[in-house]
Amino acid sequence: MKFSRGFALHRIAILSALAAPAAQAASLAVQVTDAAGKPLPHAVVMLEPASGKLPVAPLAGVEISQAKRQFSPQVTVVTVGTAVQFPNFDTVRHHVYSFSPAKHFELKLYAGTPSTPVVFDKPGVVVLGCNIHDQMLGWVVVVDTPLYAVSASAGRAQIASVAAGAYKLKVWHAGLPADQQAVITNLTIAAADVEQTVKLPVAAAQP
């Protein structure tokens, strides 16, 4: 079967147009440091459009366990609408709760795994505690964007496949003052990969 030169050029133009959005996607690497400039692990990096919202879906199979009288993981990031199970692997019972505005809940004294998970339905930072063991502390960061990451031990977090546009970069860490939700930076993403450094007013690399 033969095609005209005009048809072939038209087909190439269509394929090029379809490929353009993917070609414009870039990667964002964020180096997070504490106040002294040292790498800060366990920082949550979120990227939100300057205007509008990106589609986001709940995550599946998320658990925050209790073992050795600690929450594991200590910092958990979930998208809005995610249901989280709180299995207790200790030989003692726990009483998990939060009074945070983003989620107020209570799992009264229990062993094993509660039959009903906790659904985190509003964005924000949720502080977890145990009514029996005061040393137990954890955080759930509920995000309303699919673009997020947690900094590793070297303080680096990376978000891939970011479409070109204007964004707000939000970086949160448990060491921030209680009245400060996140450090916000306006950021423009183009076709090239972006490297960004964010210094947080955190005294030490904790938790």
Protein backbone atom coordinates (compact mmCIF):
# COMPACT_ATOMS: atom_id res chain seq x y z
CA MET A 1 0.00 0.00 0.00
CA LYS A 2 1.41 3.40 -1.00
CA PHE A 3 0.92 6.65 0.88
CA SER A 4 1.38 10.15 -0.45
CA ARG A 5 4.20 12.34 0.79
CA GLY A 6 1.60 14.69 2.30
CA PHE A 7 0.04 11.87 4.31
CA ALA A 8 3.44 10.79 5.65
CA LEU A 9 4.30 14.34 6.74
CA HIS A 10 0.89 14.68 8.41
CA ARG A 11 1.44 11.41 10.30
CA ILE A 12 4.89 12.55 11.48
CA ALA A 13 3.40 15.82 12.72
CA ILE A 14 0.77 13.97 14.75
CA LEU A 15 3.33 11.64 16.31
CA SER A 16 5.56 14.58 17.16
CA ALA A 17 2.67 16.37 18.85
CA LEU A 18 1.83 13.30 20.89
CA ALA A 19 5.43 12.92 21.97
CA ALA A 20 5.86 16.59 22.93
CA PRO A 21 4.38 16.40 26.48
CA ALA A 22 6.68 13.49 27.38
CA ALA A 23 9.69 15.33 25.98
CA GLN A 24 8.86 18.35 28.17
CA ALA A 25 8.77 16.30 31.38
CA ALA A 26 11.73 16.92 33.66
CA SER A 27 13.14 15.57 36.89
CA LEU A 28 13.36 17.61 40.10
CA ALA A 29 16.12 16.80 42.58
CA VAL A 30 15.94 18.51 45.97
CA GLN A 31 18.83 18.58 48.43
CA VAL A 32 17.42 19.19 51.91
CA THR A 33 19.70 20.42 54.69
CA ASP A 34 19.28 21.43 58.31
CA ALA A 35 20.12 24.90 59.65
CA ALA A 36 23.82 24.01 59.75
CA GLY A 37 23.82 22.87 56.12
CA LYS A 38 24.04 19.17 56.91
CA PRO A 39 21.98 16.65 54.88
CA LEU A 40 18.53 16.15 56.37
CA PRO A 41 16.82 12.75 55.91
CA HIS A 42 13.10 12.07 56.36
CA ALA A 43 12.05 15.39 54.84
CA VAL A 44 8.87 15.30 52.76
CA VAL A 45 9.09 17.11 49.42
CA MET A 46 5.84 18.03 47.68
CA LEU A 47 5.32 19.72 44.32
CA GLU A 48 1.96 21.41 43.62
CA PRO A 49 0.92 23.44 40.56
CA ALA A 50 0.87 27.17 41.20
CA SER A 51 -2.73 27.13 39.99
CA GLY A 52 -5.15 24.22 39.74
CA LYS A 53 -4.64 20.69 40.96
CA LEU A 54 -3.24 17.45 39.60
CA PRO A 55 -5.33 14.25 39.71
CA VAL A 56 -4.45 12.10 42.69
CA ALA A 57 -5.59 8.64 43.76
CA PRO A 58 -5.50 6.89 47.17
CA LEU A 59 -2.65 4.48 47.82
CA ALA A 60 -3.23 0.79 48.53
CA GLY A 61 -1.78 -1.49 51.19
CA VAL A 62 -0.32 1.17 53.48
CA GLU A 63 0.59 0.09 57.02
CA ILE A 64 2.08 1.86 60.01
CA SER A 65 3.09 -0.83 62.45
CA GLN A 66 4.00 -0.72 66.09
CA ALA A 67 7.09 -2.72 66.99
CA LYS A 68 9.47 -2.32 69.93
CA ARG A 69 7.12 0.42 71.12
CA GLN A 70 7.81 2.58 68.09
CA PHE A 71 5.86 3.53 64.97
CA SER A 72 7.34 2.08 61.80
CA PRO A 73 7.85 3.93 59.58
CA GLN A 74 8.09 6.99 61.78
CA VAL A 75 7.25 9.30 58.84
CA THR A 76 4.68 8.11 56.31
CA VAL A 77 3.46 9.98 53.21
CA VAL A 78 0.03 9.14 51.80
CA THR A 79 -2.26 10.73 49.24
CA VAL A 80 -5.68 12.06 50.21
CA GLY A 81 -8.23 9.28 50.69
CA THR A 82 -5.68 6.58 51.59
CA ALA A 83 -6.74 3.95 54.15
CA VAL A 84 -3.99 2.97 56.59
CA GLN A 85 -3.80 -0.11 58.80
CA PHE A 86 -2.11 0.05 62.21
CA PRO A 87 -0.96 -3.49 63.08
CA ASN A 88 0.49 -4.00 66.55
CA PHE A 89 3.39 -6.48 66.61
CA ASP A 90 4.30 -5.83 70.24
CA THR A 91 3.39 -8.10 73.12
CA VAL A 92 1.76 -5.12 74.85
CA ARG A 93 -1.36 -3.31 73.73
CA HIS A 94 -1.30 0.19 72.24
CA HIS A 95 -3.80 3.05 72.13
CA VAL A 96 -3.07 4.99 68.93
CA TYR A 97 -4.58 8.44 68.48
CA SER A 98 -4.22 11.86 66.86
CA PHE A 99 -5.74 15.23 67.68
CA SER A 100 -4.33 16.90 64.55
CA PRO A 101 -6.73 19.10 62.52
CA ALA A 102 -6.06 17.03 59.38
CA LYS A 103 -7.24 13.84 61.12
CA HIS A 104 -8.72 13.29 64.54
CA PHE A 105 -9.00 9.59 65.38
CA GLU A 106 -8.55 7.06 68.16
CA LEU A 107 -7.78 3.35 68.11
CA LYS A 108 -8.51 2.32 71.67
CA LEU A 109 -6.32 -0.14 73.55
CA TYR A 110 -5.76 -3.09 71.20
CA ALA A 111 -3.53 -5.95 70.12
CA GLY A 112 -3.17 -7.35 66.60
CA THR A 113 -4.69 -5.36 63.73
CA PRO A 114 -7.87 -3.27 64.04
CA SER A 115 -10.62 -4.47 61.71
CA THR A 116 -11.21 -0.99 60.27
CA PRO A 117 -8.36 1.06 58.78
CA VAL A 118 -8.03 4.81 59.29
CA VAL A 119 -8.83 6.88 56.18
CA PHE A 120 -6.81 10.08 55.86
CA ASP A 121 -9.21 12.27 53.91
CA LYS A 122 -7.73 15.76 54.29
CA PRO A 123 -4.28 17.11 53.39
CA GLY A 124 -1.98 18.12 56.23
CA VAL A 125 0.38 16.77 58.86
CA VAL A 126 -1.04 14.24 61.32
CA VAL A 127 0.91 13.63 64.52
CA LEU A 128 0.54 10.11 65.94
CA GLY A 129 0.82 9.18 69.60
CA CYS A 130 0.10 6.32 71.97
CA ASN A 131 -1.95 6.97 75.07
CA ILE A 132 -0.02 4.28 76.94
CA HIS A 133 3.56 4.88 75.78
CA ASP A 134 4.47 8.57 75.69
CA GLN A 135 7.77 7.95 73.88
CA MET A 136 5.93 6.72 70.78
CA LEU A 137 5.66 9.44 68.15
CA GLY A 138 4.97 9.29 64.43
CA TRP A 139 3.83 11.49 61.57
CA VAL A 140 1.52 10.99 58.59
CA VAL A 141 1.89 13.60 55.87
CA VAL A 142 -1.27 13.62 53.73
CA VAL A 143 -0.60 15.16 50.31
CA ASP A 144 -2.99 16.32 47.60
CA THR A 145 -0.54 15.84 44.75
CA PRO A 146 1.00 12.82 43.01
CA LEU A 147 4.39 14.59 42.95
CA TYR A 148 6.16 13.89 46.23
CA ALA A 149 9.22 12.16 47.68
CA VAL A 150 11.03 11.63 50.99
CA SER A 151 14.68 12.58 51.38
CA ALA A 152 17.10 9.70 51.91
CA SER A 153 20.01 9.54 54.36
CA ALA A 154 22.03 11.92 52.18
CA GLY A 155 19.20 14.45 52.30
CA ARG A 156 18.31 14.06 48.64
CA ALA A 157 14.79 13.58 47.26
CA GLN A 158 13.88 13.18 43.60
CA ILE A 159 10.61 13.58 41.72
CA ALA A 160 10.56 12.29 38.14
CA SER A 161 8.35 13.12 35.14
CA VAL A 162 7.35 16.66 36.11
CA ALA A 163 5.53 18.50 33.35
CA ALA A 164 6.71 21.99 32.48
CA GLY A 165 4.99 24.75 34.40
CA ALA A 166 4.91 26.89 37.54
CA TYR A 167 4.85 25.08 40.87
CA LYS A 168 5.01 25.54 44.61
CA LEU A 169 7.71 23.39 46.18
CA LYS A 170 6.80 22.50 49.76
CA VAL A 171 9.28 20.84 52.10
CA TRP A 172 8.30 19.59 55.55
CA HIS A 173 10.24 17.93 58.35
CA ALA A 174 9.22 16.80 61.82
CA GLY A 175 11.87 19.07 63.31
CA LEU A 176 10.15 22.24 62.07
CA PRO A 177 8.39 24.40 64.67
CA ALA A 178 4.93 23.09 65.51
CA ASP A 179 3.22 26.13 63.96
CA GLN A 180 5.08 25.81 60.64
CA GLN A 181 3.59 23.34 58.18
CA ALA A 182 6.18 23.52 55.39
CA VAL A 183 8.80 25.73 53.75
CA ILE A 184 7.45 26.94 50.41
CA THR A 185 9.47 27.94 47.33
CA ASN A 186 8.09 29.10 43.99
CA LEU A 187 9.63 27.05 41.21
CA THR A 188 9.42 26.91 37.42
CA ILE A 189 10.00 23.61 35.65
CA ALA A 190 11.00 23.66 31.99
CA ALA A 191 12.36 20.93 29.74
CA ALA A 192 15.67 20.56 31.59
CA ASP A 193 16.13 18.73 34.90
CA VAL A 194 16.16 20.96 37.96
CA GLU A 195 18.43 20.88 41.04
CA GLN A 196 17.18 22.72 44.11
CA THR A 197 18.60 23.11 47.62
CA VAL A 198 16.30 23.83 50.56
CA LYS A 199 17.64 24.69 54.01
CA LEU A 200 15.18 24.09 56.82
CA PRO A 201 15.27 25.79 60.23
CA VAL A 202 15.86 22.44 61.93
CA ALA A 203 18.51 22.11 64.62
CA ALA A 204 19.37 18.45 64.06
CA ALA A 205 18.69 15.65 61.59
CA GLN A 206 15.72 14.09 63.39
CA PRO A 207 13.75 11.89 63.47
